[in-house]
Amino acid sequence: MADGPQESELIEAFRALATPLISDNLARVPGAVGLRPFHQASGVMAGRALTVRTRPGDNQFIHRALDLLQPGDVVVVDGGGYEGRALIGEIMTSVAASRGAAGIVIDGAIRDAGAIGRSPFPCFARSAIHLGPYKDGPGAINVPVCIGGMVVGPGDIVVGDEDGVVAFPIDGAAALLAAVRAQEAREAAIMLSIRENRYQGAYARASSGSH
């Protein structure tokens, strides 16, 4: 596993990359489905996963996780996809932001969508609802969780933007970064060819024998 400075540099590098490019280089493993940003769009979220598993509709263990939060963490909550009660709202997102979190990802619902929508603090979820949560537990912190069909482990790198959320272990992240940057360069070249009216589609290139 990378040490602290290397990890920070990797996370910062992924902050400059789009989730579709990252997803394309993850061997088509399942990605998070059904989550969308509720915050004011302001670039890419990237950080380390602080994972939480909670009973659907119950946020006791999210409160506990906020007390363990370190700057740069993304709080990733497996709420079972339940949308009948909000797991967080403006107060909890404000607490997370004040403690240096990089964002919150909820496989479930939020509330105070208007306030969260005016904030730049990254918050991804399935939906918004006014009904508040239970606070009884049970739950678990820093265990593998499943978010919209995507498995996230404690300490994984989590990246989110307008297209959704991806996550991957830090082991192998440097090689992934190189592959994503290479694809980014190829796509930039394609976009240039389109602007210069010399683009050939994949079928045309195959027919002419080019690769």
C-alpha atoms as a PDB file:
ATOM      1  CA  MET A   1       0.000   0.000   0.000  1.00  0.00           C
ATOM      2  CA  ALA A   2       1.193   3.507  -0.716  1.00  0.00           C
ATOM      3  CA  ASP A   3       2.413   5.639   2.166  1.00  0.00           C
ATOM      4  CA  GLY A   4       0.765   8.890   3.213  1.00  0.00           C
ATOM      5  CA  PRO A   5       2.350  11.404   0.810  1.00  0.00           C
ATOM      6  CA  GLN A   6       1.982   9.027  -2.151  1.00  0.00           C
ATOM      7  CA  GLU A   7      -1.632   8.405  -1.253  1.00  0.00           C
ATOM      8  CA  SER A   8      -2.339  12.136  -1.076  1.00  0.00           C
ATOM      9  CA  GLU A   9      -0.689  12.710  -4.447  1.00  0.00           C
ATOM     10  CA  LEU A  10      -2.711   9.893  -6.034  1.00  0.00           C
ATOM     11  CA  ILE A  11      -5.984  11.242  -4.659  1.00  0.00           C
ATOM     12  CA  GLU A  12      -5.170  14.734  -5.893  1.00  0.00           C
ATOM     13  CA  ALA A  13      -4.334  13.347  -9.343  1.00  0.00           C
ATOM     14  CA  PHE A  14      -7.659  11.535  -9.590  1.00  0.00           C
ATOM     15  CA  ARG A  15      -9.440  14.744  -8.613  1.00  0.00           C
ATOM     16  CA  ALA A  16      -8.512  16.052 -12.076  1.00  0.00           C
ATOM     17  CA  LEU A  17     -10.063  13.088 -13.929  1.00  0.00           C
ATOM     18  CA  ALA A  18     -13.621  12.272 -14.986  1.00  0.00           C
ATOM     19  CA  THR A  19     -15.394   9.231 -13.584  1.00  0.00           C
ATOM     20  CA  PRO A  20     -16.268   7.780 -17.040  1.00  0.00           C
ATOM     21  CA  LEU A  21     -12.552   7.605 -17.878  1.00  0.00           C
ATOM     22  CA  ILE A  22     -11.801   5.926 -14.554  1.00  0.00           C
ATOM     23  CA  SER A  23     -14.704   3.511 -14.977  1.00  0.00           C
ATOM     24  CA  ASP A  24     -13.542   2.550 -18.479  1.00  0.00           C
ATOM     25  CA  ASN A  25     -10.251   1.353 -17.009  1.00  0.00           C
ATOM     26  CA  LEU A  26     -11.717  -0.722 -14.163  1.00  0.00           C
ATOM     27  CA  ALA A  27     -12.232  -3.845 -16.308  1.00  0.00           C
ATOM     28  CA  ARG A  28     -16.004  -3.215 -16.392  1.00  0.00           C
ATOM     29  CA  VAL A  29     -16.405  -4.179 -12.751  1.00  0.00           C
ATOM     30  CA  PRO A  30     -19.811  -3.199 -11.300  1.00  0.00           C
ATOM     31  CA  GLY A  31     -20.100   0.510 -10.602  1.00  0.00           C
ATOM     32  CA  ALA A  32     -22.440   2.474  -8.376  1.00  0.00           C
ATOM     33  CA  VAL A  33     -25.854   2.762 -10.039  1.00  0.00           C
ATOM     34  CA  GLY A  34     -28.611   5.158  -9.043  1.00  0.00           C
ATOM     35  CA  LEU A  35     -26.546   7.734  -7.118  1.00  0.00           C
ATOM     36  CA  ARG A  36     -26.431  11.373  -8.194  1.00  0.00           C
ATOM     37  CA  PRO A  37     -24.957  14.609  -6.895  1.00  0.00           C
ATOM     38  CA  PHE A  38     -27.210  16.823  -4.801  1.00  0.00           C
ATOM     39  CA  HIS A  39     -24.633  19.546  -4.109  1.00  0.00           C
ATOM     40  CA  GLN A  40     -23.710  22.600  -6.120  1.00  0.00           C
ATOM     41  CA  ALA A  41     -21.417  21.315  -8.886  1.00  0.00           C
ATOM     42  CA  SER A  42     -17.851  22.386  -8.138  1.00  0.00           C
ATOM     43  CA  GLY A  43     -15.392  19.943  -9.626  1.00  0.00           C
ATOM     44  CA  VAL A  44     -14.550  16.376  -8.695  1.00  0.00           C
ATOM     45  CA  MET A  45     -14.807  14.765  -5.249  1.00  0.00           C
ATOM     46  CA  ALA A  46     -11.879  12.520  -4.339  1.00  0.00           C
ATOM     47  CA  GLY A  47     -10.794  11.031  -1.017  1.00  0.00           C
ATOM     48  CA  ARG A  48     -10.391   7.944   1.179  1.00  0.00           C
ATOM     49  CA  ALA A  49     -13.425   5.846   2.059  1.00  0.00           C
ATOM     50  CA  LEU A  50     -14.638   5.901   5.647  1.00  0.00           C
ATOM     51  CA  THR A  51     -17.268   3.193   5.273  1.00  0.00           C
ATOM     52  CA  VAL A  52     -20.503   2.829   7.244  1.00  0.00           C
ATOM     53  CA  ARG A  53     -23.122   0.082   7.135  1.00  0.00           C
ATOM     54  CA  THR A  54     -26.401   1.006   8.761  1.00  0.00           C
ATOM     55  CA  ARG A  55     -29.899  -0.331   9.180  1.00  0.00           C
ATOM     56  CA  PRO A  56     -32.094   1.132   6.420  1.00  0.00           C
ATOM     57  CA  GLY A  57     -33.505   4.450   7.611  1.00  0.00           C
ATOM     58  CA  ASP A  58     -31.253   4.624  10.708  1.00  0.00           C
ATOM     59  CA  ASN A  59     -28.296   7.011  11.053  1.00  0.00           C
ATOM     60  CA  GLN A  60     -26.853   6.259  14.512  1.00  0.00           C
ATOM     61  CA  PHE A  61     -23.663   4.832  13.029  1.00  0.00           C
ATOM     62  CA  ILE A  62     -23.251   7.758  10.642  1.00  0.00           C
ATOM     63  CA  HIS A  63     -23.113  10.027  13.695  1.00  0.00           C
ATOM     64  CA  ARG A  64     -20.487   7.722  15.194  1.00  0.00           C
ATOM     65  CA  ALA A  65     -18.481   7.785  11.964  1.00  0.00           C
ATOM     66  CA  LEU A  66     -18.432  11.588  11.948  1.00  0.00           C
ATOM     67  CA  ASP A  67     -16.629  11.438  15.306  1.00  0.00           C
ATOM     68  CA  LEU A  68     -13.925   9.248  13.687  1.00  0.00           C
ATOM     69  CA  LEU A  69     -13.624  11.285  10.503  1.00  0.00           C
ATOM     70  CA  GLN A  70     -10.192  12.440   9.344  1.00  0.00           C
ATOM     71  CA  PRO A  71      -9.560  15.270   6.851  1.00  0.00           C
ATOM     72  CA  GLY A  72      -9.785  13.916   3.319  1.00  0.00           C
ATOM     73  CA  ASP A  73     -12.221  11.108   4.155  1.00  0.00           C
ATOM     74  CA  VAL A  74     -15.297  10.410   2.058  1.00  0.00           C
ATOM     75  CA  VAL A  75     -18.077   9.054   4.279  1.00  0.00           C
ATOM     76  CA  VAL A  76     -19.545   6.136   2.292  1.00  0.00           C
ATOM     77  CA  VAL A  77     -22.832   4.872   3.728  1.00  0.00           C
ATOM     78  CA  ASP A  78     -24.483   1.579   2.821  1.00  0.00           C
ATOM     79  CA  GLY A  79     -28.097   2.299   3.687  1.00  0.00           C
ATOM     80  CA  GLY A  80     -29.401  -0.619   1.655  1.00  0.00           C
ATOM     81  CA  GLY A  81     -30.761   1.717  -1.003  1.00  0.00           C
ATOM     82  CA  TYR A  82     -33.762   2.485   1.216  1.00  0.00           C
ATOM     83  CA  GLU A  83     -35.413   5.788   0.247  1.00  0.00           C
ATOM     84  CA  GLY A  84     -38.229   5.930   2.804  1.00  0.00           C
ATOM     85  CA  ARG A  85     -36.287   7.967   5.383  1.00  0.00           C
ATOM     86  CA  ALA A  86     -33.444  10.462   5.064  1.00  0.00           C
ATOM     87  CA  LEU A  87     -30.131   9.400   6.586  1.00  0.00           C
ATOM     88  CA  ILE A  88     -28.508  12.849   6.611  1.00  0.00           C
ATOM     89  CA  GLY A  89     -29.403  16.492   6.112  1.00  0.00           C
ATOM     90  CA  GLU A  90     -27.910  19.967   6.290  1.00  0.00           C
ATOM     91  CA  ILE A  91     -26.608  19.617   9.854  1.00  0.00           C
ATOM     92  CA  MET A  92     -24.681  16.398   9.266  1.00  0.00           C
ATOM     93  CA  THR A  93     -23.221  17.535   5.951  1.00  0.00           C
ATOM     94  CA  SER A  94     -22.138  20.775   7.641  1.00  0.00           C
ATOM     95  CA  VAL A  95     -20.470  18.818  10.447  1.00  0.00           C
ATOM     96  CA  ALA A  96     -18.645  16.633   7.911  1.00  0.00           C
ATOM     97  CA  ALA A  97     -17.502  19.662   5.933  1.00  0.00           C
ATOM     98  CA  SER A  98     -16.296  21.457   9.060  1.00  0.00           C
ATOM     99  CA  ARG A  99     -14.167  18.430   9.977  1.00  0.00           C
ATOM    100  CA  GLY A 100     -12.455  18.307   6.595  1.00  0.00           C
ATOM    101  CA  ALA A 101     -14.381  15.511   4.876  1.00  0.00           C
ATOM    102  CA  ALA A 102     -13.982  15.309   1.112  1.00  0.00           C
ATOM    103  CA  GLY A 103     -17.646  14.363   0.692  1.00  0.00           C
ATOM    104  CA  ILE A 104     -20.500  12.031   1.610  1.00  0.00           C
ATOM    105  CA  VAL A 105     -21.971   9.192  -0.441  1.00  0.00           C
ATOM    106  CA  ILE A 106     -25.323   7.767   0.697  1.00  0.00           C
ATOM    107  CA  ASP A 107     -26.940   4.649  -0.746  1.00  0.00           C
ATOM    108  CA  GLY A 108     -30.270   5.947   0.451  1.00  0.00           C
ATOM    109  CA  ALA A 109     -32.051   9.275   0.846  1.00  0.00           C
ATOM    110  CA  ILE A 110     -31.128  12.713   2.188  1.00  0.00           C
ATOM    111  CA  ARG A 111     -33.200  15.699   3.248  1.00  0.00           C
ATOM    112  CA  ASP A 112     -32.681  19.490   3.262  1.00  0.00           C
ATOM    113  CA  ALA A 113     -32.036  19.133  -0.465  1.00  0.00           C
ATOM    114  CA  GLY A 114     -32.357  22.868  -1.032  1.00  0.00           C
ATOM    115  CA  ALA A 115     -29.638  23.760   1.472  1.00  0.00           C
ATOM    116  CA  ILE A 116     -27.376  20.938   0.278  1.00  0.00           C
ATOM    117  CA  GLY A 117     -27.970  22.034  -3.313  1.00  0.00           C
ATOM    118  CA  ARG A 118     -26.669  25.507  -2.490  1.00  0.00           C
ATOM    119  CA  SER A 119     -23.527  24.106  -0.871  1.00  0.00           C
ATOM    120  CA  PRO A 120     -20.310  23.124  -2.683  1.00  0.00           C
ATOM    121  CA  PHE A 121     -19.732  20.256  -0.224  1.00  0.00           C
ATOM    122  CA  PRO A 122     -20.034  17.022  -2.236  1.00  0.00           C
ATOM    123  CA  CYS A 123     -23.081  14.926  -1.371  1.00  0.00           C
ATOM    124  CA  PHE A 124     -24.236  11.982  -3.480  1.00  0.00           C
ATOM    125  CA  ALA A 125     -27.429  10.004  -2.779  1.00  0.00           C
ATOM    126  CA  ARG A 126     -30.388   8.262  -4.374  1.00  0.00           C
ATOM    127  CA  SER A 127     -33.159  10.722  -3.552  1.00  0.00           C
ATOM    128  CA  ALA A 128     -34.471  13.332  -1.128  1.00  0.00           C
ATOM    129  CA  ILE A 129     -37.354  12.974   1.320  1.00  0.00           C
ATOM    130  CA  HIS A 130     -38.558  15.030   4.296  1.00  0.00           C
ATOM    131  CA  LEU A 131     -38.966  12.065   6.669  1.00  0.00           C
ATOM    132  CA  GLY A 132     -36.238  11.870   9.299  1.00  0.00           C
ATOM    133  CA  PRO A 133     -34.192   8.839  10.400  1.00  0.00           C
ATOM    134  CA  TYR A 134     -34.291   6.430  13.284  1.00  0.00           C
ATOM    135  CA  LYS A 135     -31.295   6.544  15.636  1.00  0.00           C
ATOM    136  CA  ASP A 136     -31.275   3.084  17.174  1.00  0.00           C
ATOM    137  CA  GLY A 137     -28.701   1.066  15.185  1.00  0.00           C
ATOM    138  CA  PRO A 138     -27.380  -1.483  14.576  1.00  0.00           C
ATOM    139  CA  GLY A 139     -24.536  -0.743  12.188  1.00  0.00           C
ATOM    140  CA  ALA A 140     -20.805  -1.028  11.541  1.00  0.00           C
ATOM    141  CA  ILE A 141     -17.915   1.268  10.635  1.00  0.00           C
ATOM    142  CA  ASN A 142     -14.863   0.572   8.455  1.00  0.00           C
ATOM    143  CA  VAL A 143     -16.192  -2.660   6.963  1.00  0.00           C
ATOM    144  CA  PRO A 144     -16.693  -3.504   3.270  1.00  0.00           C
ATOM    145  CA  VAL A 145     -19.961  -2.034   2.022  1.00  0.00           C
ATOM    146  CA  CYS A 146     -22.055  -2.165  -1.138  1.00  0.00           C
ATOM    147  CA  ILE A 147     -23.140   1.136  -2.688  1.00  0.00           C
ATOM    148  CA  GLY A 148     -25.483   0.899  -5.642  1.00  0.00           C
ATOM    149  CA  GLY A 149     -24.003  -2.486  -6.550  1.00  0.00           C
ATOM    150  CA  MET A 150     -20.378  -1.352  -6.108  1.00  0.00           C
ATOM    151  CA  VAL A 151     -18.255  -2.825  -3.307  1.00  0.00           C
ATOM    152  CA  VAL A 152     -16.212  -0.246  -1.378  1.00  0.00           C
ATOM    153  CA  GLY A 153     -13.605  -1.186   1.208  1.00  0.00           C
ATOM    154  CA  PRO A 154     -12.255   0.977   4.037  1.00  0.00           C
ATOM    155  CA  GLY A 155      -9.508   3.231   2.681  1.00  0.00           C
ATOM    156  CA  ASP A 156     -10.452   2.781  -0.974  1.00  0.00           C
ATOM    157  CA  ILE A 157     -10.147   5.846  -3.182  1.00  0.00           C
ATOM    158  CA  VAL A 158     -13.576   7.289  -3.969  1.00  0.00           C
ATOM    159  CA  VAL A 159     -14.146   9.692  -6.868  1.00  0.00           C
ATOM    160  CA  GLY A 160     -17.410  11.406  -7.758  1.00  0.00           C
ATOM    161  CA  ASP A 161     -18.639  13.941 -10.313  1.00  0.00           C
ATOM    162  CA  GLU A 162     -21.730  14.734 -12.387  1.00  0.00           C
ATOM    163  CA  ASP A 163     -21.716  11.217 -13.867  1.00  0.00           C
ATOM    164  CA  GLY A 164     -21.714   9.405 -10.511  1.00  0.00           C
ATOM    165  CA  VAL A 165     -19.311   7.662  -8.154  1.00  0.00           C
ATOM    166  CA  VAL A 166     -16.486   5.150  -8.638  1.00  0.00           C
ATOM    167  CA  ALA A 167     -14.218   3.505  -6.065  1.00  0.00           C
ATOM    168  CA  PHE A 168     -11.132   1.304  -6.191  1.00  0.00           C
ATOM    169  CA  PRO A 169      -8.405   0.018  -3.829  1.00  0.00           C
ATOM    170  CA  ILE A 170      -5.307   2.150  -3.441  1.00  0.00           C
ATOM    171  CA  ASP A 171      -3.205  -0.890  -4.364  1.00  0.00           C
ATOM    172  CA  GLY A 172      -2.957  -0.645  -8.126  1.00  0.00           C
ATOM    173  CA  ALA A 173      -4.147   2.969  -8.187  1.00  0.00           C
ATOM    174  CA  ALA A 174      -0.890   4.228  -9.702  1.00  0.00           C
ATOM    175  CA  ALA A 175      -1.231   1.869 -12.667  1.00  0.00           C
ATOM    176  CA  LEU A 176      -4.891   2.837 -13.009  1.00  0.00           C
ATOM    177  CA  LEU A 177      -3.923   6.509 -13.013  1.00  0.00           C
ATOM    178  CA  ALA A 178      -1.474   5.936 -15.877  1.00  0.00           C
ATOM    179  CA  ALA A 179      -4.110   4.069 -17.908  1.00  0.00           C
ATOM    180  CA  VAL A 180      -6.720   6.784 -17.334  1.00  0.00           C
ATOM    181  CA  ARG A 181      -4.318   9.538 -18.348  1.00  0.00           C
ATOM    182  CA  ALA A 182      -3.442   7.623 -21.520  1.00  0.00           C
ATOM    183  CA  GLN A 183      -7.127   7.327 -22.430  1.00  0.00           C
ATOM    184  CA  GLU A 184      -7.626  11.002 -21.642  1.00  0.00           C
ATOM    185  CA  ALA A 185      -4.838  11.857 -24.105  1.00  0.00           C
ATOM    186  CA  ARG A 186      -6.367   9.618 -26.806  1.00  0.00           C
ATOM    187  CA  GLU A 187      -9.780  11.201 -26.379  1.00  0.00           C
ATOM    188  CA  ALA A 188      -8.270  14.696 -26.480  1.00  0.00           C
ATOM    189  CA  ALA A 189      -6.675  13.769 -29.818  1.00  0.00           C
ATOM    190  CA  ILE A 190     -10.058  12.530 -31.104  1.00  0.00           C
ATOM    191  CA  MET A 191     -11.751  15.757 -30.068  1.00  0.00           C
ATOM    192  CA  LEU A 192      -9.045  17.750 -31.873  1.00  0.00           C
ATOM    193  CA  SER A 193      -9.598  15.697 -35.027  1.00  0.00           C
ATOM    194  CA  ILE A 194     -13.338  16.429 -34.815  1.00  0.00           C
ATOM    195  CA  ARG A 195     -12.717  20.169 -34.532  1.00  0.00           C
ATOM    196  CA  GLU A 196     -10.348  19.984 -37.518  1.00  0.00           C
ATOM    197  CA  ASN A 197     -12.865  17.941 -39.557  1.00  0.00           C
ATOM    198  CA  ARG A 198     -10.562  14.963 -40.035  1.00  0.00           C
ATOM    199  CA  TYR A 199     -12.153  12.465 -37.643  1.00  0.00           C
ATOM    200  CA  GLN A 200     -12.726   8.900 -38.816  1.00  0.00           C
ATOM    201  CA  GLY A 201     -15.052   6.747 -36.731  1.00  0.00           C
ATOM    202  CA  ALA A 202     -14.046   3.343 -35.437  1.00  0.00           C
ATOM    203  CA  TYR A 203     -15.768   1.572 -38.374  1.00  0.00           C
ATOM    204  CA  ALA A 204     -13.989   3.744 -40.934  1.00  0.00           C
ATOM    205  CA  ARG A 205     -10.605   3.178 -39.294  1.00  0.00           C
ATOM    206  CA  ALA A 206     -11.158  -0.581 -39.225  1.00  0.00           C
ATOM    207  CA  SER A 207     -12.185  -0.610 -42.899  1.00  0.00           C
ATOM    208  CA  SER A 208      -9.050   1.270 -43.921  1.00  0.00           C
ATOM    209  CA  GLY A 209      -6.821  -1.060 -41.927  1.00  0.00           C
ATOM    210  CA  SER A 210      -5.874   1.567 -39.333  1.00  0.00           C
ATOM    211  CA  HIS A 211      -6.064   0.818 -35.622  1.00  0.00           C
END
